[in-house]
Protein backbone atom coordinates (compact mmCIF):
# COMPACT_ATOMS: atom_id res chain seq x y z
CA MET A 1 -101.17 8.20 17.52
CA PRO A 2 -100.91 9.28 13.87
CA LYS A 3 -99.36 6.99 11.30
CA ARG A 4 -95.98 7.98 9.90
CA ILE A 5 -95.85 9.03 6.25
CA LEU A 6 -92.58 8.89 4.32
CA THR A 7 -91.64 9.88 0.76
CA GLY A 8 -89.22 7.81 -1.30
CA THR A 9 -88.31 6.30 -4.65
CA VAL A 10 -89.34 2.84 -5.86
CA THR A 11 -86.19 0.75 -6.38
CA SER A 12 -87.79 -2.64 -7.10
CA ASP A 13 -91.21 -3.86 -8.29
CA LYS A 14 -90.33 -7.49 -9.03
CA ASN A 15 -92.46 -8.99 -6.26
CA GLU A 16 -96.22 -9.44 -6.63
CA GLN A 17 -98.14 -6.68 -4.77
CA THR A 18 -94.92 -5.36 -3.21
CA VAL A 19 -92.55 -2.51 -3.99
CA THR A 20 -89.24 -1.66 -2.34
CA VAL A 21 -89.00 2.03 -1.50
CA LEU A 22 -85.74 3.84 -0.75
CA VAL A 23 -86.28 6.68 1.74
CA GLU A 24 -83.47 9.19 2.26
CA ARG A 25 -83.18 11.47 5.25
CA ARG A 26 -80.77 14.37 5.72
CA PHE A 27 -79.57 15.75 9.02
CA THR A 28 -76.74 17.83 10.40
CA HIS A 29 -74.01 15.85 12.15
CA PRO A 30 -73.95 16.89 15.83
CA VAL A 31 -70.15 17.29 16.03
CA MET A 32 -68.96 17.95 12.47
CA LYS A 33 -71.92 20.22 11.53
CA LYS A 34 -71.92 18.63 8.07
CA THR A 35 -75.10 17.55 6.30
CA VAL A 36 -75.25 13.75 6.27
CA ARG A 37 -77.44 11.59 4.01
CA ARG A 38 -78.79 8.30 5.37
CA SER A 39 -81.08 5.98 3.46
CA LYS A 40 -83.23 3.00 4.35
CA LYS A 41 -85.32 0.57 2.29
CA TYR A 42 -88.90 -0.28 3.17
CA ARG A 43 -91.13 -3.00 1.69
CA ALA A 44 -94.56 -1.52 0.92
CA HIS A 45 -97.86 -3.11 -0.12
CA ASP A 46 -98.99 -2.21 -3.66
CA PRO A 47 -102.18 -4.27 -4.28
CA LEU A 48 -102.67 -3.12 -7.90
CA ASN A 49 -99.01 -3.38 -8.98
CA ALA A 50 -99.39 0.21 -10.14
CA PHE A 51 -95.93 1.58 -9.34
CA LYS A 52 -92.76 1.01 -11.33
CA VAL A 53 -89.04 1.55 -10.68
CA GLY A 54 -88.18 5.25 -10.45
CA ASP A 55 -91.60 6.46 -9.28
CA THR A 56 -91.67 8.80 -6.29
CA VAL A 57 -94.28 7.55 -3.82
CA ARG A 58 -95.62 8.23 -0.35
CA ILE A 59 -95.87 5.29 2.05
CA GLN A 60 -97.82 5.02 5.29
CA GLU A 61 -97.46 2.73 8.30
CA CYS A 62 -100.00 -0.09 8.59
CA ALA A 63 -100.59 -3.34 10.42
CA PRO A 64 -98.18 -6.16 9.45
CA ILE A 65 -99.13 -7.67 6.08
CA SER A 66 -96.28 -10.20 5.89
CA LYS A 67 -92.94 -10.92 7.57
CA ASN A 68 -91.30 -7.78 6.16
CA LYS A 69 -94.22 -5.58 5.01
CA ARG A 70 -95.45 -2.98 7.51
CA TRP A 71 -96.06 -0.12 5.05
CA GLU A 72 -98.58 0.55 2.29
CA VAL A 73 -98.31 2.83 -0.73
CA MET A 74 -100.68 5.81 -0.44
CA ALA A 75 -100.27 7.55 -3.79
CA GLU A 76 -97.72 8.87 -6.22
CA SER A 77 -96.06 11.97 -4.86
CA ALA A 78 -96.35 15.25 -6.77
CA GLU A 79 -92.68 16.04 -6.03
CA ALA A 80 -90.31 15.10 -8.81
């Protein structure tokens, strides 16, 4: 099974080797037919502390690294 890849924005880089990434998804509401925005935060492993707040990054699923970290940062996204 392929690993999921998500694109989001770094909202926090205060922890050592960890960034918090806000991922937003948009979908059409089944009844109201209005576009709805939902967001979720993921903790991602950043071993080099390379990413700062505001960067757009791609994260990929991985084996659990700590209690809350199950994602790792792949690279900075070209989208901006």
